[in-house]
Amino acid sequence: MENSEKLANSKEVIAYIAERFPKCFILEGEAKPLKIGIFQDLSERLSDDPKVSKTQLRAGLRQYTSSWRYLHGVKPGASRVDLDGNPCGELEEEHIEHAKTTLDESKAKVAARRKEQAKKVREEAKAKKTARAATPPKRRPQPVAKKVEQPVETRALNADEITVGNNVSVNMGKGNMPATIVEINKDDVRIRLSNGLQMVVKAENLRS
């Protein structure tokens, strides 16, 4: 049983009528000018065909006759053909001129559309380039400078300041440390640091 599923679009319709009437319709190369009233002939020949309707035939014919390869074929010296490929008279001058004008306009529209698309692509590329140029480069975080503690100015103790219980500073080489005098033995002074450690130092190493 033959597949009677409806054709989906004009492209399928054109392929179908080219299969049914190969001497009239072709899918590749320069098409032949069609007989005037070919739609009526098609409608009658395919009236009982469940695969295609009159509306589909009309749309398919419109697409076929507006294609560039069909318009190219409408030229001086070409003859129209019927569904069986039989000649049906020469083309009239006005039909040739109409086909030429239609073809030129169609090509101009396509060229303008391509030009507009190319312009749009260039503008988008330019906009992206401008956006990248306007965006400042990411800077690496600068290392935080360590705070340098300024040395505390100190002075040597007077003799009367070297007394038990007095709070002093002791010179430890890398800096002064707070301490408390706990014992005095001539030039040797026992001190207690803030961490509880006791040690003996020379009086000359004590600062106010």
C-alpha atoms as a PDB file:
ATOM      1  CA  MET A   1       0.000   0.000   0.000  1.00  0.00           C
ATOM      2  CA  GLU A   2       1.425   3.358  -1.054  1.00  0.00           C
ATOM      3  CA  ASN A   3       2.315   5.787   1.694  1.00  0.00           C
ATOM      4  CA  SER A   4      -0.358   8.517   1.688  1.00  0.00           C
ATOM      5  CA  GLU A   5       1.064  10.698   4.451  1.00  0.00           C
ATOM      6  CA  LYS A   6       0.652  14.416   3.734  1.00  0.00           C
ATOM      7  CA  LEU A   7       3.699  16.321   2.516  1.00  0.00           C
ATOM      8  CA  ALA A   8       5.081  18.608   5.221  1.00  0.00           C
ATOM      9  CA  ASN A   9       6.257  21.713   3.334  1.00  0.00           C
ATOM     10  CA  SER A  10       6.803  23.372  -0.048  1.00  0.00           C
ATOM     11  CA  LYS A  11      10.229  21.792  -0.440  1.00  0.00           C
ATOM     12  CA  GLU A  12       8.683  18.324  -0.193  1.00  0.00           C
ATOM     13  CA  VAL A  13       5.887  19.372  -2.572  1.00  0.00           C
ATOM     14  CA  ILE A  14       8.409  20.511  -5.202  1.00  0.00           C
ATOM     15  CA  ALA A  15      10.381  17.272  -4.823  1.00  0.00           C
ATOM     16  CA  TYR A  16       7.133  15.285  -5.194  1.00  0.00           C
ATOM     17  CA  ILE A  17       5.859  17.008  -8.354  1.00  0.00           C
ATOM     18  CA  ALA A  18       9.373  16.806  -9.845  1.00  0.00           C
ATOM     19  CA  GLU A  19       9.212  13.045  -9.258  1.00  0.00           C
ATOM     20  CA  ARG A  20       5.730  12.828 -10.791  1.00  0.00           C
ATOM     21  CA  PHE A  21       6.445  15.147 -13.740  1.00  0.00           C
ATOM     22  CA  PRO A  22      10.217  14.987 -14.414  1.00  0.00           C
ATOM     23  CA  LYS A  23       9.911  16.420 -17.957  1.00  0.00           C
ATOM     24  CA  CYS A  24       8.405  19.594 -16.520  1.00  0.00           C
ATOM     25  CA  PHE A  25       9.932  20.167 -13.089  1.00  0.00           C
ATOM     26  CA  ILE A  26      13.593  19.702 -12.152  1.00  0.00           C
ATOM     27  CA  LEU A  27      15.377  19.982  -8.805  1.00  0.00           C
ATOM     28  CA  GLU A  28      18.831  20.991 -10.074  1.00  0.00           C
ATOM     29  CA  GLY A  29      20.124  23.285 -12.784  1.00  0.00           C
ATOM     30  CA  GLU A  30      18.276  25.885 -14.837  1.00  0.00           C
ATOM     31  CA  ALA A  31      14.512  25.282 -14.716  1.00  0.00           C
ATOM     32  CA  LYS A  32      12.246  25.397 -17.750  1.00  0.00           C
ATOM     33  CA  PRO A  33       9.556  28.106 -18.028  1.00  0.00           C
ATOM     34  CA  LEU A  34       6.168  26.628 -17.185  1.00  0.00           C
ATOM     35  CA  LYS A  35       2.996  26.682 -19.215  1.00  0.00           C
ATOM     36  CA  ILE A  36       0.602  29.476 -18.292  1.00  0.00           C
ATOM     37  CA  GLY A  37      -2.182  27.837 -16.272  1.00  0.00           C
ATOM     38  CA  ILE A  38       0.061  24.989 -15.086  1.00  0.00           C
ATOM     39  CA  PHE A  39      -1.532  25.187 -11.625  1.00  0.00           C
ATOM     40  CA  GLN A  40      -4.910  24.164 -13.056  1.00  0.00           C
ATOM     41  CA  ASP A  41      -3.324  21.228 -14.879  1.00  0.00           C
ATOM     42  CA  LEU A  42      -1.544  20.135 -11.680  1.00  0.00           C
ATOM     43  CA  SER A  43      -4.731  20.399  -9.633  1.00  0.00           C
ATOM     44  CA  GLU A  44      -6.593  18.184 -12.098  1.00  0.00           C
ATOM     45  CA  ARG A  45      -3.825  15.595 -12.429  1.00  0.00           C
ATOM     46  CA  LEU A  46      -3.358  15.362  -8.636  1.00  0.00           C
ATOM     47  CA  SER A  47      -6.985  15.876  -7.593  1.00  0.00           C
ATOM     48  CA  ASP A  48      -7.226  12.348  -6.155  1.00  0.00           C
ATOM     49  CA  ASP A  49      -3.748  12.393  -4.601  1.00  0.00           C
ATOM     50  CA  PRO A  50      -4.082  12.292  -0.784  1.00  0.00           C
ATOM     51  CA  LYS A  51      -0.490  13.447  -0.260  1.00  0.00           C
ATOM     52  CA  VAL A  52      -0.909  17.001  -1.499  1.00  0.00           C
ATOM     53  CA  SER A  53      -3.670  19.646  -1.414  1.00  0.00           C
ATOM     54  CA  LYS A  54      -4.393  22.559  -3.783  1.00  0.00           C
ATOM     55  CA  THR A  55      -3.117  24.976  -1.149  1.00  0.00           C
ATOM     56  CA  GLN A  56       0.168  23.091  -0.937  1.00  0.00           C
ATOM     57  CA  LEU A  57       0.455  22.972  -4.724  1.00  0.00           C
ATOM     58  CA  ARG A  58      -0.090  26.714  -4.994  1.00  0.00           C
ATOM     59  CA  ALA A  59       2.563  27.440  -2.313  1.00  0.00           C
ATOM     60  CA  GLY A  60       5.010  24.985  -3.874  1.00  0.00           C
ATOM     61  CA  LEU A  61       4.563  26.492  -7.354  1.00  0.00           C
ATOM     62  CA  ARG A  62       5.055  30.004  -5.973  1.00  0.00           C
ATOM     63  CA  GLN A  63       8.347  28.962  -4.361  1.00  0.00           C
ATOM     64  CA  TYR A  64       9.487  27.096  -7.486  1.00  0.00           C
ATOM     65  CA  THR A  65       8.793  29.987  -9.887  1.00  0.00           C
ATOM     66  CA  SER A  66      10.431  32.582  -7.582  1.00  0.00           C
ATOM     67  CA  SER A  67      13.713  30.652  -7.325  1.00  0.00           C
ATOM     68  CA  TRP A  68      16.794  32.090  -9.008  1.00  0.00           C
ATOM     69  CA  ARG A  69      17.290  29.057 -11.232  1.00  0.00           C
ATOM     70  CA  TYR A  70      13.730  29.371 -12.568  1.00  0.00           C
ATOM     71  CA  LEU A  71      14.050  33.129 -13.161  1.00  0.00           C
ATOM     72  CA  HIS A  72      17.352  32.473 -14.979  1.00  0.00           C
ATOM     73  CA  GLY A  73      15.503  30.106 -17.302  1.00  0.00           C
ATOM     74  CA  VAL A  74      12.940  32.735 -18.305  1.00  0.00           C
ATOM     75  CA  LYS A  75      15.013  34.199 -21.153  1.00  0.00           C
ATOM     76  CA  PRO A  76      14.784  34.934 -24.862  1.00  0.00           C
ATOM     77  CA  GLY A  77      14.490  31.806 -27.013  1.00  0.00           C
ATOM     78  CA  ALA A  78      13.183  29.585 -24.169  1.00  0.00           C
ATOM     79  CA  SER A  79       9.842  27.803 -24.596  1.00  0.00           C
ATOM     80  CA  ARG A  80       7.249  27.092 -21.969  1.00  0.00           C
ATOM     81  CA  VAL A  81       6.473  23.418 -21.250  1.00  0.00           C
ATOM     82  CA  ASP A  82       3.448  21.538 -19.964  1.00  0.00           C
ATOM     83  CA  LEU A  83       3.447  18.741 -17.368  1.00  0.00           C
ATOM     84  CA  ASP A  84       4.642  16.222 -19.948  1.00  0.00           C
ATOM     85  CA  GLY A  85       7.474  18.438 -21.229  1.00  0.00           C
ATOM     86  CA  ASN A  86       5.684  19.442 -24.442  1.00  0.00           C
ATOM     87  CA  PRO A  87       6.485  22.983 -25.749  1.00  0.00           C
ATOM     88  CA  CYS A  88       3.680  25.489 -25.178  1.00  0.00           C
ATOM     89  CA  GLY A  89       4.878  28.570 -27.049  1.00  0.00           C
ATOM     90  CA  GLU A  90       7.599  31.165 -26.811  1.00  0.00           C
ATOM     91  CA  LEU A  91       7.962  33.530 -23.855  1.00  0.00           C
ATOM     92  CA  GLU A  92       6.588  37.042 -24.213  1.00  0.00           C
ATOM     93  CA  GLU A  93       8.955  39.983 -23.829  1.00  0.00           C
ATOM     94  CA  GLU A  94       7.123  41.364 -20.808  1.00  0.00           C
ATOM     95  CA  HIS A  95       7.468  38.033 -18.987  1.00  0.00           C
ATOM     96  CA  ILE A  96      11.202  37.960 -19.743  1.00  0.00           C
ATOM     97  CA  GLU A  97      11.631  41.523 -18.452  1.00  0.00           C
ATOM     98  CA  HIS A  98       9.561  40.761 -15.342  1.00  0.00           C
ATOM     99  CA  ALA A  99      11.702  37.706 -14.558  1.00  0.00           C
ATOM    100  CA  LYS A 100      14.906  39.717 -15.042  1.00  0.00           C
ATOM    101  CA  THR A 101      13.674  42.544 -12.786  1.00  0.00           C
ATOM    102  CA  THR A 102      12.523  40.093 -10.126  1.00  0.00           C
ATOM    103  CA  LEU A 103      15.878  38.283 -10.225  1.00  0.00           C
ATOM    104  CA  ASP A 104      17.874  41.521  -9.947  1.00  0.00           C
ATOM    105  CA  GLU A 105      15.747  42.724  -7.020  1.00  0.00           C
ATOM    106  CA  SER A 106      16.074  39.373  -5.240  1.00  0.00           C
ATOM    107  CA  LYS A 107      19.851  39.342  -5.654  1.00  0.00           C
ATOM    108  CA  ALA A 108      20.052  42.955  -4.454  1.00  0.00           C
ATOM    109  CA  LYS A 109      18.041  42.096  -1.330  1.00  0.00           C
ATOM    110  CA  VAL A 110      20.307  39.150  -0.540  1.00  0.00           C
ATOM    111  CA  ALA A 111      23.427  41.276  -1.084  1.00  0.00           C
ATOM    112  CA  ALA A 112      22.027  44.027   1.147  1.00  0.00           C
ATOM    113  CA  ARG A 113      21.130  41.514   3.848  1.00  0.00           C
ATOM    114  CA  ARG A 114      24.611  39.977   3.744  1.00  0.00           C
ATOM    115  CA  LYS A 115      26.178  43.432   3.865  1.00  0.00           C
ATOM    116  CA  GLU A 116      24.036  44.347   6.870  1.00  0.00           C
ATOM    117  CA  GLN A 117      24.956  41.102   8.632  1.00  0.00           C
ATOM    118  CA  ALA A 118      28.660  41.715   7.962  1.00  0.00           C
ATOM    119  CA  LYS A 119      28.315  45.261   9.287  1.00  0.00           C
ATOM    120  CA  LYS A 120      26.594  43.972  12.421  1.00  0.00           C
ATOM    121  CA  VAL A 121      29.378  41.431  13.000  1.00  0.00           C
ATOM    122  CA  ARG A 122      32.024  44.164  12.628  1.00  0.00           C
ATOM    123  CA  GLU A 123      30.158  46.479  15.015  1.00  0.00           C
ATOM    124  CA  GLU A 124      29.792  43.723  17.629  1.00  0.00           C
ATOM    125  CA  ALA A 125      33.503  42.888  17.344  1.00  0.00           C
ATOM    126  CA  LYS A 126      34.382  46.586  17.675  1.00  0.00           C
ATOM    127  CA  ALA A 127      32.095  46.956  20.713  1.00  0.00           C
ATOM    128  CA  LYS A 128      33.745  43.971  22.416  1.00  0.00           C
ATOM    129  CA  LYS A 129      37.192  45.360  21.674  1.00  0.00           C
ATOM    130  CA  THR A 130      36.202  48.766  23.082  1.00  0.00           C
ATOM    131  CA  ALA A 131      34.727  47.141  26.191  1.00  0.00           C
ATOM    132  CA  ARG A 132      37.923  45.180  26.796  1.00  0.00           C
ATOM    133  CA  ALA A 133      40.012  48.325  26.350  1.00  0.00           C
ATOM    134  CA  ALA A 134      37.800  50.262  28.789  1.00  0.00           C
ATOM    135  CA  THR A 135      38.057  47.592  31.479  1.00  0.00           C
ATOM    136  CA  PRO A 136      41.152  48.245  33.594  1.00  0.00           C
ATOM    137  CA  PRO A 137      43.376  45.234  34.134  1.00  0.00           C
ATOM    138  CA  LYS A 138      43.025  43.518  37.462  1.00  0.00           C
ATOM    139  CA  ARG A 139      45.735  44.629  39.808  1.00  0.00           C
ATOM    140  CA  ARG A 140      47.441  42.257  42.104  1.00  0.00           C
ATOM    141  CA  PRO A 141      46.898  43.109  45.747  1.00  0.00           C
ATOM    142  CA  GLN A 142      49.818  45.045  47.105  1.00  0.00           C
ATOM    143  CA  PRO A 143      51.528  43.453  50.107  1.00  0.00           C
ATOM    144  CA  VAL A 144      50.663  45.185  53.332  1.00  0.00           C
ATOM    145  CA  ALA A 145      53.712  46.952  54.642  1.00  0.00           C
ATOM    146  CA  LYS A 146      54.640  45.807  58.062  1.00  0.00           C
ATOM    147  CA  LYS A 147      54.382  48.474  60.652  1.00  0.00           C
ATOM    148  CA  VAL A 148      57.802  49.341  61.924  1.00  0.00           C
ATOM    149  CA  GLU A 149      57.703  50.115  65.565  1.00  0.00           C
ATOM    150  CA  GLN A 150      59.688  53.149  66.410  1.00  0.00           C
ATOM    151  CA  PRO A 151      62.224  52.525  69.178  1.00  0.00           C
ATOM    152  CA  VAL A 152      61.287  54.049  72.511  1.00  0.00           C
ATOM    153  CA  GLU A 153      63.790  56.608  73.577  1.00  0.00           C
ATOM    154  CA  THR A 154      65.380  55.699  76.910  1.00  0.00           C
ATOM    155  CA  ARG A 155      68.134  57.107  79.134  1.00  0.00           C
ATOM    156  CA  ALA A 156      70.554  55.676  81.616  1.00  0.00           C
ATOM    157  CA  LEU A 157      69.348  55.593  85.219  1.00  0.00           C
ATOM    158  CA  ASN A 158      70.728  57.924  87.821  1.00  0.00           C
ATOM    159  CA  ALA A 159      72.221  56.327  90.936  1.00  0.00           C
ATOM    160  CA  ASP A 160      69.245  57.357  93.058  1.00  0.00           C
ATOM    161  CA  GLU A 161      66.836  55.666  90.576  1.00  0.00           C
ATOM    162  CA  ILE A 162      68.418  52.265  91.078  1.00  0.00           C
ATOM    163  CA  THR A 163      66.296  51.154  94.024  1.00  0.00           C
ATOM    164  CA  VAL A 164      64.491  47.918  94.878  1.00  0.00           C
ATOM    165  CA  GLY A 165      60.935  47.874  93.525  1.00  0.00           C
ATOM    166  CA  ASN A 166      61.594  50.497  90.864  1.00  0.00           C
ATOM    167  CA  ASN A 167      60.218  49.727  87.378  1.00  0.00           C
ATOM    168  CA  VAL A 168      62.910  50.013  84.737  1.00  0.00           C
ATOM    169  CA  SER A 169      63.865  48.868  81.247  1.00  0.00           C
ATOM    170  CA  VAL A 170      66.751  46.530  80.628  1.00  0.00           C
ATOM    171  CA  ASN A 171      68.803  46.541  77.467  1.00  0.00           C
ATOM    172  CA  MET A 172      68.612  43.011  76.016  1.00  0.00           C
ATOM    173  CA  GLY A 173      70.551  43.674  72.796  1.00  0.00           C
ATOM    174  CA  LYS A 174      67.581  43.652  70.352  1.00  0.00           C
ATOM    175  CA  GLY A 175      65.591  46.056  72.451  1.00  0.00           C
ATOM    176  CA  ASN A 176      64.550  47.114  75.927  1.00  0.00           C
ATOM    177  CA  MET A 177      62.329  44.962  78.102  1.00  0.00           C
ATOM    178  CA  PRO A 178      60.322  46.119  81.134  1.00  0.00           C
ATOM    179  CA  ALA A 179      61.551  44.799  84.458  1.00  0.00           C
ATOM    180  CA  THR A 180      61.440  45.430  88.197  1.00  0.00           C
ATOM    181  CA  ILE A 181      64.487  45.734  90.435  1.00  0.00           C
ATOM    182  CA  VAL A 182      64.393  43.072  93.162  1.00  0.00           C
ATOM    183  CA  GLU A 183      67.961  43.179  94.563  1.00  0.00           C
ATOM    184  CA  ILE A 184      71.036  45.411  94.347  1.00  0.00           C
ATOM    185  CA  ASN A 185      74.609  44.208  94.914  1.00  0.00           C
ATOM    186  CA  LYS A 186      77.038  46.990  94.033  1.00  0.00           C
ATOM    187  CA  ASP A 187      77.120  47.135  90.186  1.00  0.00           C
ATOM    188  CA  ASP A 188      75.124  43.931  89.845  1.00  0.00           C
ATOM    189  CA  VAL A 189      71.351  44.325  89.917  1.00  0.00           C
ATOM    190  CA  ARG A 190      68.859  41.430  90.073  1.00  0.00           C
ATOM    191  CA  ILE A 191      65.714  42.150  88.082  1.00  0.00           C
ATOM    192  CA  ARG A 192      62.444  40.345  87.402  1.00  0.00           C
ATOM    193  CA  LEU A 193      61.100  40.478  83.858  1.00  0.00           C
ATOM    194  CA  SER A 194      57.396  40.740  83.094  1.00  0.00           C
ATOM    195  CA  ASN A 195      57.310  36.990  82.357  1.00  0.00           C
ATOM    196  CA  GLY A 196      58.578  36.243  85.871  1.00  0.00           C
ATOM    197  CA  LEU A 197      62.110  35.357  84.849  1.00  0.00           C
ATOM    198  CA  GLN A 198      64.834  36.803  87.115  1.00  0.00           C
ATOM    199  CA  MET A 199      68.338  37.638  86.040  1.00  0.00           C
ATOM    200  CA  VAL A 200      71.374  39.669  87.118  1.00  0.00           C
ATOM    201  CA  VAL A 201      72.508  42.549  84.920  1.00  0.00           C
ATOM    202  CA  LYS A 202      74.922  45.424  85.181  1.00  0.00           C
ATOM    203  CA  ALA A 203      73.479  48.700  86.427  1.00  0.00           C
ATOM    204  CA  GLU A 204      74.716  50.368  83.266  1.00  0.00           C
ATOM    205  CA  ASN A 205      72.272  48.245  81.229  1.00  0.00           C
ATOM    206  CA  LEU A 206      69.252  49.648  83.026  1.00  0.00           C
ATOM    207  CA  ARG A 207      67.203  52.393  81.460  1.00  0.00           C
ATOM    208  CA  SER A 208      64.374  54.602  82.601  1.00  0.00           C
END
